[in-house]
Protein backbone atom coordinates (compact mmCIF):
# COMPACT_ATOMS: atom_id res chain seq x y z
CA MET A 1 23.24 11.45 8.84
CA LYS A 2 22.12 11.26 5.51
CA LYS A 3 21.55 7.60 4.30
CA LEU A 4 20.83 6.83 1.04
CA THR A 5 17.33 5.62 0.31
CA LEU A 6 14.86 5.48 -2.95
CA SER A 7 12.80 8.29 -3.10
CA GLU A 8 9.12 8.78 -2.17
CA ASN A 9 9.08 12.46 -3.87
CA ASN A 10 11.14 12.37 -6.83
CA LYS A 11 10.42 9.23 -8.62
CA LYS A 12 9.22 7.46 -12.20
CA ILE A 13 9.74 3.99 -11.64
CA VAL A 14 10.55 3.20 -8.35
CA GLY A 15 12.79 5.85 -6.47
CA VAL A 16 16.45 4.65 -7.61
CA CYS A 17 17.60 7.73 -9.38
CA GLY A 18 15.61 10.68 -7.41
CA GLY A 19 16.84 8.66 -4.41
CA ILE A 20 20.95 9.39 -5.90
CA GLY A 21 19.60 12.85 -6.83
CA GLU A 22 18.22 13.68 -3.15
CA TYR A 23 21.72 12.28 -2.07
CA PHE A 24 24.09 14.11 -3.42
CA ASN A 25 21.65 17.33 -3.96
CA ILE A 26 21.42 16.92 -7.84
CA ASP A 27 18.33 16.91 -9.73
CA ALA A 28 17.20 13.76 -10.55
CA THR A 29 16.68 14.63 -14.37
CA ILE A 30 20.20 14.75 -14.43
CA ILE A 31 21.19 11.17 -12.56
CA ARG A 32 18.36 9.85 -15.11
CA ILE A 33 19.53 11.30 -18.08
CA LEU A 34 23.41 10.07 -17.50
CA TRP A 35 21.80 6.70 -16.99
CA ILE A 36 19.99 6.42 -19.73
CA ILE A 37 23.50 7.50 -21.78
CA GLY A 38 25.19 4.74 -19.33
CA THR A 39 22.86 2.52 -20.61
CA LEU A 40 23.04 3.01 -24.21
CA ILE A 41 26.79 2.94 -23.92
CA SER A 42 27.20 -0.30 -21.90
CA PHE A 43 24.50 -2.02 -24.04
CA GLY A 44 21.62 -2.68 -21.97
CA SER A 45 23.89 -3.04 -18.04
CA GLY A 46 22.77 0.07 -16.65
CA ILE A 47 19.32 -1.71 -16.86
CA LEU A 48 20.59 -4.90 -14.82
CA ALA A 49 22.32 -1.89 -12.56
CA TYR A 50 19.41 -0.49 -11.72
CA VAL A 51 17.67 -3.37 -10.83
CA ILE A 52 20.76 -3.78 -8.47
CA CYS A 53 20.19 -0.53 -7.01
CA TRP A 54 16.45 -1.21 -6.46
CA ALA A 55 16.86 -4.57 -4.76
CA LEU A 56 19.70 -2.80 -2.72
CA ILE A 57 18.72 0.32 -1.90
CA PRO A 58 16.47 0.47 1.23
CA TYR A 59 13.00 2.42 1.42
CA ASP A 60 12.83 5.78 3.31
CA GLN A 61 11.29 4.56 6.59
CA GLU A 62 10.35 8.11 8.02
């Protein structure tokens, strides 16, 4: 069973976008670009969403 975790292999800051990319089998760069665009469009709300995801998504225990 696939589980959403922070990425240890594909991370730039803490692995949120890398983990989401691994979960959905999408390149993490695409997730990062979409996240940046969303942050700019939402006047910075993406930063808060990133911090919340960092707090809620667990690290990979393997």
